[in-house]
């Protein structure tokens, strides 16, 4: 007998031993308990699993954490969008090349606008990350 057949025979014997032990256990357990075991058909939603463990305050914190996680996930695309607006706000610099003061004023306004956006965005991103981590 080659090694493959021997291993297959061992696996079949283990499987038969398992089914024998399972049938002996199931014969001992009363019928009422068999309905509630893992092989009974009982549908349970995720809300029912965690619902009995939480009160209204816990649900509130879970909602805060979900909103914070969504905000944290959106922070990177929003950051890319805000950063990409800088070049659009400065505009075509070749038309202002003859007047350096006009160019500097335009760049200053664009940077002031971007600094304000980054400050607001940083505060909101901090709040979202805080909510997602702490709750």
N, C-alpha and C. Protein backbone atom coordinates (compact mmCIF):
# COMPACT_ATOMS: atom_id res chain seq x y z
N UNK A 1 0.85 -1.17 0.00
CA UNK A 1 0.00 0.00 0.00
C UNK A 1 0.90 1.24 0.00
N UNK A 2 0.64 2.14 -0.91
CA UNK A 2 1.50 3.31 -0.96
C UNK A 2 1.10 4.34 0.11
N UNK A 3 1.91 5.35 0.22
CA UNK A 3 1.75 6.34 1.29
C UNK A 3 0.45 7.12 1.14
N UNK A 4 0.05 7.43 -0.09
CA UNK A 4 -1.17 8.18 -0.34
C UNK A 4 -2.41 7.41 0.14
N UNK A 5 -2.48 6.14 -0.20
CA UNK A 5 -3.62 5.33 0.23
C UNK A 5 -3.68 5.19 1.75
N UNK A 6 -2.53 5.08 2.37
CA UNK A 6 -2.49 4.95 3.83
C UNK A 6 -3.01 6.22 4.50
N UNK A 7 -2.58 7.37 4.00
CA UNK A 7 -3.05 8.64 4.56
C UNK A 7 -4.56 8.81 4.34
N UNK A 8 -5.04 8.41 3.19
CA UNK A 8 -6.46 8.49 2.91
C UNK A 8 -7.25 7.58 3.84
N UNK A 9 -6.75 6.41 4.10
CA UNK A 9 -7.41 5.48 5.01
C UNK A 9 -7.45 6.04 6.43
N UNK A 10 -6.39 6.69 6.87
CA UNK A 10 -6.35 7.30 8.20
C UNK A 10 -7.40 8.41 8.31
N UNK A 11 -7.49 9.23 7.27
CA UNK A 11 -8.47 10.32 7.28
C UNK A 11 -9.90 9.79 7.31
N UNK A 12 -10.17 8.74 6.56
CA UNK A 12 -11.51 8.16 6.56
C UNK A 12 -11.85 7.58 7.92
N UNK A 13 -10.89 6.93 8.56
CA UNK A 13 -11.13 6.37 9.90
C UNK A 13 -11.40 7.49 10.92
N UNK A 14 -10.67 8.60 10.83
CA UNK A 14 -10.90 9.72 11.74
C UNK A 14 -12.28 10.33 11.52
N UNK A 15 -12.67 10.43 10.26
CA UNK A 15 -13.99 10.97 9.94
C UNK A 15 -15.08 10.07 10.51
N UNK A 16 -14.93 8.77 10.37
CA UNK A 16 -15.92 7.84 10.92
C UNK A 16 -15.96 7.91 12.45
N UNK A 17 -14.81 8.06 13.08
CA UNK A 17 -14.78 8.21 14.54
C UNK A 17 -15.51 9.46 14.98
N UNK A 18 -15.32 10.55 14.23
CA UNK A 18 -16.00 11.80 14.57
C UNK A 18 -17.51 11.63 14.46
N UNK A 19 -17.98 11.04 13.37
CA UNK A 19 -19.42 10.85 13.20
C UNK A 19 -20.00 9.91 14.25
N UNK A 20 -19.26 8.91 14.65
CA UNK A 20 -19.73 8.02 15.71
C UNK A 20 -19.86 8.76 17.03
N UNK A 21 -18.86 9.57 17.37
CA UNK A 21 -18.91 10.33 18.62
C UNK A 21 -20.04 11.35 18.58
N UNK A 22 -20.23 11.99 17.42
CA UNK A 22 -21.31 12.97 17.28
C UNK A 22 -22.67 12.31 17.45
N UNK A 23 -22.87 11.17 16.85
CA UNK A 23 -24.17 10.50 16.96
C UNK A 23 -24.43 10.03 18.39
N UNK A 24 -23.40 9.59 19.11
CA UNK A 24 -23.59 9.20 20.50
C UNK A 24 -23.96 10.39 21.37
N UNK A 25 -23.32 11.52 21.13
CA UNK A 25 -23.65 12.72 21.90
C UNK A 25 -25.06 13.18 21.60
N UNK A 26 -25.46 13.16 20.35
CA UNK A 26 -26.79 13.62 19.97
C UNK A 26 -27.88 12.69 20.50
N UNK A 27 -27.58 11.42 20.70
CA UNK A 27 -28.56 10.50 21.27
C UNK A 27 -28.76 10.75 22.76
N UNK A 28 -27.76 11.28 23.44
CA UNK A 28 -27.86 11.55 24.86
C UNK A 28 -28.68 12.81 25.13
N UNK A 29 -28.54 13.83 24.27
CA UNK A 29 -29.17 15.13 24.50
C UNK A 29 -30.68 15.02 24.23
N UNK A 30 -31.52 15.59 25.12
CA UNK A 30 -32.97 15.57 24.88
C UNK A 30 -33.34 16.37 23.64
N UNK A 31 -34.51 16.09 23.10
CA UNK A 31 -34.95 16.71 21.85
C UNK A 31 -35.11 18.22 21.99
N UNK A 32 -35.56 18.70 23.13
CA UNK A 32 -35.77 20.14 23.30
C UNK A 32 -34.46 20.91 23.20
N UNK A 33 -33.40 20.33 23.70
CA UNK A 33 -32.11 21.00 23.62
C UNK A 33 -31.50 20.91 22.23
N UNK A 34 -31.83 19.87 21.49
CA UNK A 34 -31.27 19.72 20.15
C UNK A 34 -31.72 20.86 19.23
N UNK A 35 -32.93 21.37 19.46
CA UNK A 35 -33.43 22.45 18.60
C UNK A 35 -32.61 23.72 18.78
N UNK A 36 -32.03 23.93 19.95
CA UNK A 36 -31.29 25.16 20.22
C UNK A 36 -29.79 25.02 20.02
N UNK A 37 -29.32 23.87 19.60
CA UNK A 37 -27.90 23.70 19.36
C UNK A 37 -27.50 24.36 18.05
N UNK A 38 -26.22 24.30 17.73
CA UNK A 38 -25.73 25.02 16.56
C UNK A 38 -26.28 24.49 15.25
N UNK A 39 -26.86 23.30 15.24
CA UNK A 39 -27.36 22.76 13.99
C UNK A 39 -28.83 23.10 13.77
N UNK A 40 -29.45 23.76 14.75
CA UNK A 40 -30.83 24.20 14.58
C UNK A 40 -30.87 25.43 13.68
N UNK A 41 -31.99 25.62 13.03
CA UNK A 41 -32.11 26.77 12.14
C UNK A 41 -32.69 27.93 12.92
N UNK A 42 -31.82 28.87 13.23
CA UNK A 42 -32.24 30.04 13.97
C UNK A 42 -31.48 31.23 13.38
N UNK A 43 -32.19 32.14 12.75
CA UNK A 43 -31.54 33.28 12.13
C UNK A 43 -31.38 34.39 13.16
N UNK A 44 -30.18 34.91 13.22
CA UNK A 44 -29.88 35.98 14.15
C UNK A 44 -29.15 37.07 13.38
N UNK A 45 -29.64 38.30 13.48
CA UNK A 45 -28.99 39.40 12.79
C UNK A 45 -27.85 39.94 13.64
N UNK A 46 -27.01 40.73 13.02
CA UNK A 46 -25.89 41.33 13.73
C UNK A 46 -26.38 42.30 14.79
N UNK A 47 -27.52 42.93 14.54
CA UNK A 47 -28.06 43.88 15.52
C UNK A 47 -28.59 43.14 16.75
N UNK A 48 -29.11 41.95 16.55
CA UNK A 48 -29.60 41.19 17.69
C UNK A 48 -28.45 40.66 18.54
N UNK A 49 -27.34 40.33 17.88
CA UNK A 49 -26.18 39.83 18.62
C UNK A 49 -25.66 40.90 19.57
N UNK A 50 -25.48 42.12 19.06
CA UNK A 50 -24.93 43.18 19.89
C UNK A 50 -26.00 44.01 20.58
N UNK A 51 -27.24 43.87 20.17
CA UNK A 51 -28.31 44.68 20.73
C UNK A 51 -28.59 44.39 22.18
N UNK A 52 -28.47 43.16 22.59
CA UNK A 52 -28.76 42.84 23.98
C UNK A 52 -27.62 43.22 24.91
N UNK A 53 -26.47 43.57 24.34
CA UNK A 53 -25.33 43.96 25.15
C UNK A 53 -25.20 45.47 25.33
N UNK A 54 -25.98 46.25 24.61
CA UNK A 54 -25.79 47.69 24.64
C UNK A 54 -27.08 48.41 25.01
N UNK A 55 -26.89 49.56 25.65
CA UNK A 55 -28.03 50.41 25.96
C UNK A 55 -28.01 51.60 25.01
N UNK A 56 -28.84 52.61 25.28
CA UNK A 56 -28.97 53.73 24.34
C UNK A 56 -27.68 54.55 24.25
N UNK A 57 -26.97 54.68 25.35
CA UNK A 57 -25.72 55.42 25.32
C UNK A 57 -24.68 54.71 24.47
N UNK A 58 -24.63 53.38 24.58
CA UNK A 58 -23.69 52.62 23.75
C UNK A 58 -24.03 52.75 22.27
N UNK A 59 -25.29 52.73 21.92
CA UNK A 59 -25.71 52.90 20.52
C UNK A 59 -25.29 54.28 20.02
N UNK A 60 -25.44 55.29 20.87
CA UNK A 60 -25.02 56.65 20.51
C UNK A 60 -23.53 56.68 20.22
N UNK A 61 -22.73 56.04 21.08
CA UNK A 61 -21.29 56.01 20.87
C UNK A 61 -20.91 55.23 19.62
N UNK A 62 -21.62 54.17 19.33
CA UNK A 62 -21.36 53.39 18.12
C UNK A 62 -21.64 54.23 16.88
N UNK A 63 -22.72 55.00 16.91
CA UNK A 63 -23.05 55.87 15.77
C UNK A 63 -21.98 56.95 15.61
N UNK A 64 -21.51 57.52 16.74
CA UNK A 64 -20.43 58.50 16.65
C UNK A 64 -19.17 57.88 16.04
N UNK A 65 -18.85 56.67 16.43
CA UNK A 65 -17.66 56.00 15.89
C UNK A 65 -17.80 55.73 14.40
N UNK A 66 -18.99 55.34 13.97
CA UNK A 66 -19.21 55.09 12.54
C UNK A 66 -19.07 56.38 11.75
N UNK A 67 -19.65 57.46 12.25
CA UNK A 67 -19.52 58.74 11.55
C UNK A 67 -18.07 59.23 11.54
N UNK A 68 -17.37 59.04 12.66
CA UNK A 68 -15.96 59.42 12.70
C UNK A 68 -15.12 58.61 11.74
N UNK A 69 -15.40 57.32 11.63
CA UNK A 69 -14.65 56.47 10.70
C UNK A 69 -14.92 56.87 9.26
N UNK A 70 -16.16 57.21 8.96
CA UNK A 70 -16.48 57.66 7.60
C UNK A 70 -15.75 58.97 7.29
N UNK A 71 -15.73 59.89 8.25
CA UNK A 71 -15.00 61.14 8.06
C UNK A 71 -13.51 60.93 7.91
N UNK A 72 -12.96 59.99 8.67
CA UNK A 72 -11.53 59.69 8.56
C UNK A 72 -11.21 59.10 7.19
N UNK A 73 -12.09 58.27 6.69
CA UNK A 73 -11.88 57.67 5.37
C UNK A 73 -11.97 58.69 4.25
N UNK A 74 -12.80 59.71 4.45
CA UNK A 74 -12.93 60.74 3.42
C UNK A 74 -11.84 61.81 3.50
N UNK A 75 -11.05 61.80 4.56
CA UNK A 75 -10.08 62.88 4.74
C UNK A 75 -9.00 62.90 3.66
N UNK A 76 -8.53 61.76 3.22
CA UNK A 76 -7.47 61.74 2.21
C UNK A 76 -7.96 62.25 0.84
N UNK A 77 -9.10 61.81 0.33
CA UNK A 77 -9.56 62.38 -0.94
C UNK A 77 -9.85 63.88 -0.85
N UNK A 78 -10.38 64.32 0.29
CA UNK A 78 -10.65 65.75 0.44
C UNK A 78 -9.34 66.53 0.49
N UNK A 79 -8.34 65.97 1.15
CA UNK A 79 -7.02 66.61 1.21
C UNK A 79 -6.42 66.74 -0.19
N UNK A 80 -6.55 65.71 -1.00
CA UNK A 80 -6.04 65.78 -2.37
C UNK A 80 -6.78 66.83 -3.18
N UNK A 81 -8.09 66.93 -2.97
CA UNK A 81 -8.88 67.93 -3.70
C UNK A 81 -8.49 69.35 -3.29
N UNK A 82 -8.33 69.57 -1.99
CA UNK A 82 -7.95 70.89 -1.52
C UNK A 82 -6.56 71.27 -2.04
N UNK A 83 -5.65 70.32 -2.03
CA UNK A 83 -4.29 70.61 -2.51
C UNK A 83 -4.27 70.88 -4.00
N UNK A 84 -5.12 70.22 -4.74
CA UNK A 84 -5.12 70.43 -6.19
C UNK A 84 -5.70 71.78 -6.58
N UNK A 85 -6.48 72.38 -5.71
CA UNK A 85 -7.06 73.69 -6.02
C UNK A 85 -6.03 74.81 -5.98
N UNK A 86 -4.88 74.59 -5.37
CA UNK A 86 -3.89 75.66 -5.24
C UNK A 86 -3.41 76.14 -6.61
N UNK A 87 -3.09 75.23 -7.49
CA UNK A 87 -2.63 75.63 -8.82
C UNK A 87 -3.75 76.31 -9.61
N UNK A 88 -4.97 75.84 -9.41
CA UNK A 88 -6.08 76.48 -10.10
C UNK A 88 -6.35 77.88 -9.57
N UNK A 89 -6.12 78.09 -8.27
CA UNK A 89 -6.34 79.42 -7.69
C UNK A 89 -5.27 80.41 -8.13
N UNK A 90 -4.05 79.95 -8.29
CA UNK A 90 -2.98 80.85 -8.74
C UNK A 90 -3.21 81.23 -10.19
N UNK A 91 -3.61 80.27 -10.98
CA UNK A 91 -3.92 80.56 -12.38
C UNK A 91 -2.69 80.56 -13.25
N UNK A 92 -2.82 81.14 -14.41
CA UNK A 92 -1.74 81.21 -15.39
C UNK A 92 -0.80 82.35 -14.98
N UNK A 93 0.39 81.98 -14.58
CA UNK A 93 1.34 83.00 -14.10
C UNK A 93 2.02 83.74 -15.24
N UNK A 94 1.95 83.23 -16.45
CA UNK A 94 2.63 83.90 -17.56
C UNK A 94 1.96 85.23 -17.91
N UNK A 95 0.69 85.36 -17.64
CA UNK A 95 0.03 86.64 -17.96
C UNK A 95 0.37 87.73 -16.95
N UNK A 96 0.92 87.33 -15.79
CA UNK A 96 1.31 88.32 -14.78
C UNK A 96 2.82 88.48 -14.70
N UNK A 97 3.55 87.91 -15.63
CA UNK A 97 5.00 87.93 -15.53
C UNK A 97 5.57 89.35 -15.66
N UNK A 98 4.87 90.25 -16.33
CA UNK A 98 5.37 91.60 -16.48
C UNK A 98 5.15 92.43 -15.22
N UNK A 99 4.16 92.06 -14.39
CA UNK A 99 3.87 92.81 -13.17
C UNK A 99 4.05 91.87 -11.97
N UNK A 100 5.20 91.94 -11.35
CA UNK A 100 5.53 91.03 -10.26
C UNK A 100 4.67 91.28 -9.04
N UNK A 101 4.27 92.51 -8.81
CA UNK A 101 3.44 92.82 -7.64
C UNK A 101 2.05 92.20 -7.79
N UNK A 102 1.50 92.24 -9.00
CA UNK A 102 0.20 91.63 -9.25
C UNK A 102 0.27 90.12 -9.08
N UNK A 103 1.39 89.53 -9.54
CA UNK A 103 1.59 88.09 -9.37
C UNK A 103 1.71 87.72 -7.90
N UNK A 104 2.46 88.50 -7.14
CA UNK A 104 2.62 88.22 -5.72
C UNK A 104 1.30 88.37 -4.96
N UNK A 105 0.50 89.33 -5.35
CA UNK A 105 -0.80 89.52 -4.71
C UNK A 105 -1.72 88.32 -5.00
N UNK A 106 -1.70 87.85 -6.21
CA UNK A 106 -2.53 86.70 -6.58
C UNK A 106 -2.08 85.44 -5.83
N UNK A 107 -0.78 85.23 -5.73
CA UNK A 107 -0.26 84.07 -5.01
C UNK A 107 -0.58 84.19 -3.53
N UNK A 108 -0.48 85.40 -2.98
CA UNK A 108 -0.77 85.60 -1.56
C UNK A 108 -2.24 85.28 -1.26
N UNK A 109 -3.15 85.76 -2.12
CA UNK A 109 -4.57 85.46 -1.92
C UNK A 109 -4.84 83.95 -2.02
N UNK A 110 -4.17 83.29 -2.97
CA UNK A 110 -4.37 81.85 -3.14
C UNK A 110 -3.85 81.09 -1.91
N UNK A 111 -2.70 81.50 -1.40
CA UNK A 111 -2.17 80.82 -0.22
C UNK A 111 -3.00 81.11 1.03
N UNK A 112 -3.49 82.33 1.17
CA UNK A 112 -4.36 82.62 2.31
C UNK A 112 -5.63 81.77 2.29
N UNK A 113 -6.18 81.64 1.09
CA UNK A 113 -7.37 80.80 0.94
C UNK A 113 -7.06 79.34 1.29
N UNK A 114 -5.91 78.84 0.82
CA UNK A 114 -5.54 77.45 1.09
C UNK A 114 -5.22 77.23 2.57
N UNK A 115 -4.59 78.21 3.20
CA UNK A 115 -4.28 78.08 4.62
C UNK A 115 -5.57 77.97 5.43
N UNK A 116 -6.55 78.80 5.11
CA UNK A 116 -7.84 78.72 5.81
C UNK A 116 -8.51 77.38 5.58
N UNK A 117 -8.47 76.91 4.34
CA UNK A 117 -9.07 75.60 4.05
C UNK A 117 -8.37 74.48 4.84
N UNK A 118 -7.04 74.51 4.88
CA UNK A 118 -6.31 73.48 5.61
C UNK A 118 -6.55 73.54 7.11
N UNK A 119 -6.72 74.74 7.65
CA UNK A 119 -7.02 74.86 9.08
C UNK A 119 -8.39 74.26 9.40
N UNK A 120 -9.40 74.61 8.61
CA UNK A 120 -10.74 74.05 8.83
C UNK A 120 -10.73 72.53 8.63
N UNK A 121 -10.06 72.12 7.56
CA UNK A 121 -10.00 70.69 7.27
C UNK A 121 -9.26 69.94 8.37
N UNK A 122 -8.17 70.50 8.88
CA UNK A 122 -7.42 69.86 9.95
C UNK A 122 -8.24 69.69 11.21
N UNK A 123 -9.04 70.70 11.55
CA UNK A 123 -9.89 70.60 12.73
C UNK A 123 -10.95 69.53 12.56
N UNK A 124 -11.56 69.50 11.38
CA UNK A 124 -12.60 68.49 11.13
C UNK A 124 -12.00 67.09 11.07
N UNK A 125 -10.83 66.94 10.44
CA UNK A 125 -10.18 65.63 10.37
C UNK A 125 -9.76 65.16 11.76
N UNK A 126 -9.29 66.08 12.60
CA UNK A 126 -8.93 65.71 13.96
C UNK A 126 -10.16 65.21 14.72
N UNK A 127 -11.28 65.92 14.58
CA UNK A 127 -12.50 65.49 15.27
C UNK A 127 -12.96 64.13 14.78
N UNK A 128 -12.90 63.90 13.48
CA UNK A 128 -13.32 62.60 12.94
C UNK A 128 -12.41 61.48 13.42
N UNK A 129 -11.11 61.72 13.40
CA UNK A 129 -10.18 60.69 13.88
C UNK A 129 -10.35 60.44 15.37
N UNK A 130 -10.59 61.50 16.13
CA UNK A 130 -10.83 61.34 17.56
C UNK A 130 -12.07 60.49 17.82
N UNK A 131 -13.15 60.77 17.07
CA UNK A 131 -14.37 60.00 17.23
C UNK A 131 -14.19 58.54 16.85
N UNK A 132 -13.46 58.31 15.76
CA UNK A 132 -13.31 56.93 15.30
C UNK A 132 -12.41 56.12 16.21
N UNK A 133 -11.45 56.75 16.86
CA UNK A 133 -10.53 56.01 17.73
C UNK A 133 -11.09 55.87 19.14
N UNK A 134 -11.69 56.91 19.67
CA UNK A 134 -12.10 56.91 21.08
C UNK A 134 -13.44 56.22 21.31
N UNK A 135 -14.26 56.10 20.30
CA UNK A 135 -15.56 55.46 20.51
C UNK A 135 -15.58 54.19 19.73
